[in-house]
Amino acid sequence: MPTLTKDDIWKGISLLVVPLAGWVWNTNIKVTQLELEVKHQQEQIAMLQKKIEGTEADSKQIVGIQKDIEYIKVLVGNIEKFVRN
């Protein structure tokens, strides 16, 4: 019966360690890629939120302008009545 030497034990360990190291390397690369994607998505979300805030301010201004237009219409109507009389 053959005996196990230190070389045989190291060969057995290396058969397990090398594929495991490859798996760890690939997993680390995938995690890094996902982190970069998440960072990019967060930047896009922040940019879109700023645009939304700007849009809300614009829509408030539009509502104010619409109210001003309605008020002016009433004033023009009153002026028209006054001129006709």
N, C-alpha and C. Protein backbone atom coordinates (compact mmCIF):
# COMPACT_ATOMS: atom_id res chain seq x y z
N MET A 1 0.84 -1.16 0.00
CA MET A 1 0.00 0.00 0.00
C MET A 1 0.90 1.24 0.00
N PRO A 2 0.62 2.15 -0.96
CA PRO A 2 1.48 3.34 -1.02
C PRO A 2 1.19 4.28 0.13
N THR A 3 2.21 4.97 0.57
CA THR A 3 2.05 5.92 1.66
C THR A 3 1.90 7.32 1.09
N LEU A 4 1.21 8.14 1.83
CA LEU A 4 1.02 9.53 1.41
C LEU A 4 2.20 10.36 1.87
N THR A 5 2.75 11.09 0.94
CA THR A 5 3.86 11.98 1.28
C THR A 5 3.33 13.40 1.38
N LYS A 6 4.21 14.29 1.81
CA LYS A 6 3.83 15.70 1.90
C LYS A 6 3.48 16.25 0.53
N ASP A 7 4.20 15.82 -0.48
CA ASP A 7 3.90 16.28 -1.85
C ASP A 7 2.50 15.86 -2.28
N ASP A 8 2.13 14.64 -1.94
CA ASP A 8 0.79 14.17 -2.30
C ASP A 8 -0.29 14.98 -1.60
N ILE A 9 -0.04 15.31 -0.35
CA ILE A 9 -1.01 16.12 0.41
C ILE A 9 -1.13 17.51 -0.20
N TRP A 10 0.01 18.13 -0.55
CA TRP A 10 -0.02 19.47 -1.14
C TRP A 10 -0.70 19.45 -2.51
N LYS A 11 -0.48 18.38 -3.26
CA LYS A 11 -1.16 18.26 -4.56
C LYS A 11 -2.68 18.19 -4.36
N GLY A 12 -3.11 17.45 -3.36
CA GLY A 12 -4.54 17.34 -3.07
C GLY A 12 -5.13 18.67 -2.64
N ILE A 13 -4.41 19.37 -1.81
CA ILE A 13 -4.88 20.68 -1.36
C ILE A 13 -4.92 21.65 -2.53
N SER A 14 -3.89 21.63 -3.38
CA SER A 14 -3.86 22.56 -4.51
C SER A 14 -5.00 22.27 -5.49
N LEU A 15 -5.43 21.01 -5.58
CA LEU A 15 -6.58 20.70 -6.44
C LEU A 15 -7.84 21.39 -5.94
N LEU A 16 -7.93 21.65 -4.66
CA LEU A 16 -9.09 22.35 -4.10
C LEU A 16 -8.89 23.87 -4.09
N VAL A 17 -7.67 24.30 -3.80
CA VAL A 17 -7.41 25.73 -3.62
C VAL A 17 -7.44 26.49 -4.94
N VAL A 18 -6.88 25.95 -6.00
CA VAL A 18 -6.81 26.66 -7.27
C VAL A 18 -8.20 26.95 -7.83
N PRO A 19 -9.11 25.99 -7.91
CA PRO A 19 -10.46 26.33 -8.39
C PRO A 19 -11.18 27.30 -7.45
N LEU A 20 -10.96 27.15 -6.16
CA LEU A 20 -11.58 28.04 -5.21
C LEU A 20 -11.05 29.47 -5.39
N ALA A 21 -9.77 29.61 -5.62
CA ALA A 21 -9.19 30.94 -5.85
C ALA A 21 -9.77 31.54 -7.12
N GLY A 22 -9.95 30.74 -8.17
CA GLY A 22 -10.56 31.23 -9.41
C GLY A 22 -11.98 31.69 -9.17
N TRP A 23 -12.73 30.93 -8.40
CA TRP A 23 -14.12 31.30 -8.10
C TRP A 23 -14.15 32.61 -7.31
N VAL A 24 -13.27 32.74 -6.32
CA VAL A 24 -13.21 33.96 -5.52
C VAL A 24 -12.86 35.15 -6.40
N TRP A 25 -11.91 34.97 -7.31
CA TRP A 25 -11.49 36.05 -8.21
C TRP A 25 -12.67 36.50 -9.07
N ASN A 26 -13.37 35.54 -9.69
CA ASN A 26 -14.52 35.87 -10.54
C ASN A 26 -15.63 36.53 -9.74
N THR A 27 -15.88 36.05 -8.55
CA THR A 27 -16.92 36.63 -7.72
C THR A 27 -16.56 38.06 -7.34
N ASN A 28 -15.30 38.30 -7.03
CA ASN A 28 -14.85 39.65 -6.69
C ASN A 28 -15.04 40.58 -7.87
N ILE A 29 -14.74 40.13 -9.07
CA ILE A 29 -14.93 40.95 -10.27
C ILE A 29 -16.41 41.28 -10.46
N LYS A 30 -17.27 40.29 -10.28
CA LYS A 30 -18.71 40.52 -10.44
C LYS A 30 -19.23 41.49 -9.40
N VAL A 31 -18.77 41.37 -8.17
CA VAL A 31 -19.20 42.27 -7.10
C VAL A 31 -18.76 43.70 -7.42
N THR A 32 -17.54 43.85 -7.91
CA THR A 32 -17.05 45.18 -8.27
C THR A 32 -17.89 45.78 -9.39
N GLN A 33 -18.22 44.97 -10.39
CA GLN A 33 -19.06 45.44 -11.48
C GLN A 33 -20.43 45.88 -10.97
N LEU A 34 -21.02 45.10 -10.08
CA LEU A 34 -22.32 45.45 -9.51
C LEU A 34 -22.24 46.73 -8.69
N GLU A 35 -21.16 46.90 -7.94
CA GLU A 35 -20.99 48.13 -7.16
C GLU A 35 -20.92 49.34 -8.08
N LEU A 36 -20.20 49.21 -9.20
CA LEU A 36 -20.11 50.31 -10.15
C LEU A 36 -21.47 50.61 -10.77
N GLU A 37 -22.23 49.56 -11.09
CA GLU A 37 -23.56 49.77 -11.66
C GLU A 37 -24.48 50.46 -10.67
N VAL A 38 -24.41 50.05 -9.40
CA VAL A 38 -25.24 50.67 -8.37
C VAL A 38 -24.86 52.14 -8.21
N LYS A 39 -23.56 52.44 -8.21
CA LYS A 39 -23.11 53.82 -8.09
C LYS A 39 -23.64 54.65 -9.26
N HIS A 40 -23.55 54.10 -10.45
CA HIS A 40 -24.05 54.81 -11.64
C HIS A 40 -25.55 55.05 -11.54
N GLN A 41 -26.29 54.04 -11.10
CA GLN A 41 -27.74 54.18 -10.95
C GLN A 41 -28.09 55.23 -9.90
N GLN A 42 -27.34 55.26 -8.81
CA GLN A 42 -27.58 56.25 -7.77
C GLN A 42 -27.33 57.66 -8.29
N GLU A 43 -26.30 57.82 -9.11
CA GLU A 43 -26.03 59.13 -9.70
C GLU A 43 -27.17 59.55 -10.63
N GLN A 44 -27.68 58.59 -11.41
CA GLN A 44 -28.80 58.90 -12.30
C GLN A 44 -30.05 59.26 -11.50
N ILE A 45 -30.30 58.56 -10.40
CA ILE A 45 -31.46 58.86 -9.56
C ILE A 45 -31.34 60.26 -8.99
N ALA A 46 -30.16 60.61 -8.51
CA ALA A 46 -29.95 61.96 -7.95
C ALA A 46 -30.18 63.02 -9.02
N MET A 47 -29.71 62.77 -10.24
CA MET A 47 -29.89 63.73 -11.32
C MET A 47 -31.38 63.87 -11.66
N LEU A 48 -32.10 62.75 -11.71
CA LEU A 48 -33.53 62.79 -12.02
C LEU A 48 -34.32 63.49 -10.91
N GLN A 49 -33.91 63.28 -9.67
CA GLN A 49 -34.59 63.97 -8.57
C GLN A 49 -34.42 65.48 -8.67
N LYS A 50 -33.23 65.93 -9.07
CA LYS A 50 -33.01 67.36 -9.25
C LYS A 50 -33.89 67.89 -10.38
N LYS A 51 -34.02 67.11 -11.45
CA LYS A 51 -34.88 67.53 -12.56
C LYS A 51 -36.33 67.61 -12.10
N ILE A 52 -36.76 66.66 -11.28
CA ILE A 52 -38.13 66.66 -10.78
C ILE A 52 -38.37 67.90 -9.93
N GLU A 53 -37.40 68.22 -9.08
CA GLU A 53 -37.54 69.42 -8.24
C GLU A 53 -37.66 70.66 -9.10
N GLY A 54 -36.86 70.73 -10.17
CA GLY A 54 -36.95 71.86 -11.08
C GLY A 54 -38.29 71.90 -11.79
N THR A 55 -38.79 70.74 -12.15
CA THR A 55 -40.08 70.65 -12.82
C THR A 55 -41.21 71.09 -11.90
N GLU A 56 -41.11 70.72 -10.63
CA GLU A 56 -42.14 71.14 -9.67
C GLU A 56 -42.17 72.66 -9.54
N ALA A 57 -41.01 73.26 -9.49
CA ALA A 57 -40.95 74.73 -9.41
C ALA A 57 -41.53 75.35 -10.67
N ASP A 58 -41.22 74.76 -11.82
CA ASP A 58 -41.77 75.27 -13.08
C ASP A 58 -43.29 75.14 -13.12
N SER A 59 -43.81 74.01 -12.64
CA SER A 59 -45.26 73.82 -12.67
C SER A 59 -45.95 74.79 -11.71
N LYS A 60 -45.30 75.12 -10.59
CA LYS A 60 -45.87 76.11 -9.68
C LYS A 60 -45.92 77.48 -10.36
N GLN A 61 -44.87 77.80 -11.10
CA GLN A 61 -44.86 79.07 -11.83
C GLN A 61 -45.95 79.09 -12.90
N ILE A 62 -46.14 77.97 -13.57
CA ILE A 62 -47.18 77.89 -14.60
C ILE A 62 -48.55 78.12 -13.99
N VAL A 63 -48.80 77.51 -12.83
CA VAL A 63 -50.09 77.70 -12.16
C VAL A 63 -50.26 79.17 -11.78
N GLY A 64 -49.20 79.79 -11.30
CA GLY A 64 -49.27 81.22 -10.97
C GLY A 64 -49.55 82.07 -12.19
N ILE A 65 -48.91 81.75 -13.30
CA ILE A 65 -49.15 82.50 -14.54
C ILE A 65 -50.59 82.30 -15.02
N GLN A 66 -51.11 81.10 -14.90
CA GLN A 66 -52.50 80.84 -15.30
C GLN A 66 -53.47 81.67 -14.46
N LYS A 67 -53.19 81.76 -13.17
CA LYS A 67 -54.04 82.58 -12.30
C LYS A 67 -53.95 84.04 -12.70
N ASP A 68 -52.74 84.50 -13.02
CA ASP A 68 -52.57 85.88 -13.47
C ASP A 68 -53.34 86.13 -14.76
N ILE A 69 -53.31 85.19 -15.67
CA ILE A 69 -54.03 85.33 -16.94
C ILE A 69 -55.53 85.43 -16.68
N GLU A 70 -56.04 84.59 -15.80
CA GLU A 70 -57.47 84.66 -15.48
C GLU A 70 -57.83 86.01 -14.86
N TYR A 71 -56.97 86.51 -13.98
CA TYR A 71 -57.21 87.81 -13.36
C TYR A 71 -57.21 88.92 -14.42
N ILE A 72 -56.24 88.83 -15.35
CA ILE A 72 -56.16 89.83 -16.43
C ILE A 72 -57.41 89.76 -17.31
N LYS A 73 -57.90 88.55 -17.57
CA LYS A 73 -59.12 88.40 -18.37
C LYS A 73 -60.28 89.11 -17.70
N VAL A 74 -60.39 88.96 -16.40
CA VAL A 74 -61.46 89.62 -15.65
C VAL A 74 -61.30 91.13 -15.75
N LEU A 75 -60.08 91.62 -15.57
CA LEU A 75 -59.83 93.06 -15.67
C LEU A 75 -60.14 93.58 -17.07
N VAL A 76 -59.74 92.84 -18.10
CA VAL A 76 -60.01 93.27 -19.47
C VAL A 76 -61.52 93.27 -19.71
N GLY A 77 -62.21 92.29 -19.17
CA GLY A 77 -63.68 92.27 -19.28
C GLY A 77 -64.31 93.47 -18.61
N ASN A 78 -63.80 93.84 -17.44
CA ASN A 78 -64.32 95.02 -16.73
C ASN A 78 -64.02 96.30 -17.52
N ILE A 79 -62.83 96.39 -18.07
CA ILE A 79 -62.47 97.56 -18.88
C ILE A 79 -63.36 97.64 -20.11
N GLU A 80 -63.62 96.49 -20.73
CA GLU A 80 -64.49 96.47 -21.92
C GLU A 80 -65.89 96.94 -21.57
N LYS A 81 -66.41 96.50 -20.45
CA LYS A 81 -67.73 96.95 -20.01
C LYS A 81 -67.73 98.46 -19.77
N PHE A 82 -66.67 98.93 -19.12
CA PHE A 82 -66.57 100.36 -18.81
C PHE A 82 -66.51 101.19 -20.10
N VAL A 83 -65.76 100.72 -21.10
CA VAL A 83 -65.62 101.45 -22.36
C VAL A 83 -66.94 101.45 -23.11
N ARG A 84 -67.69 100.39 -23.09
CA ARG A 84 -68.95 100.30 -23.81
C ARG A 84 -70.01 101.22 -23.20
N ASN A 85 -69.91 101.44 -21.95
CA ASN A 85 -70.92 102.28 -21.28
C ASN A 85 -70.58 103.69 -21.43
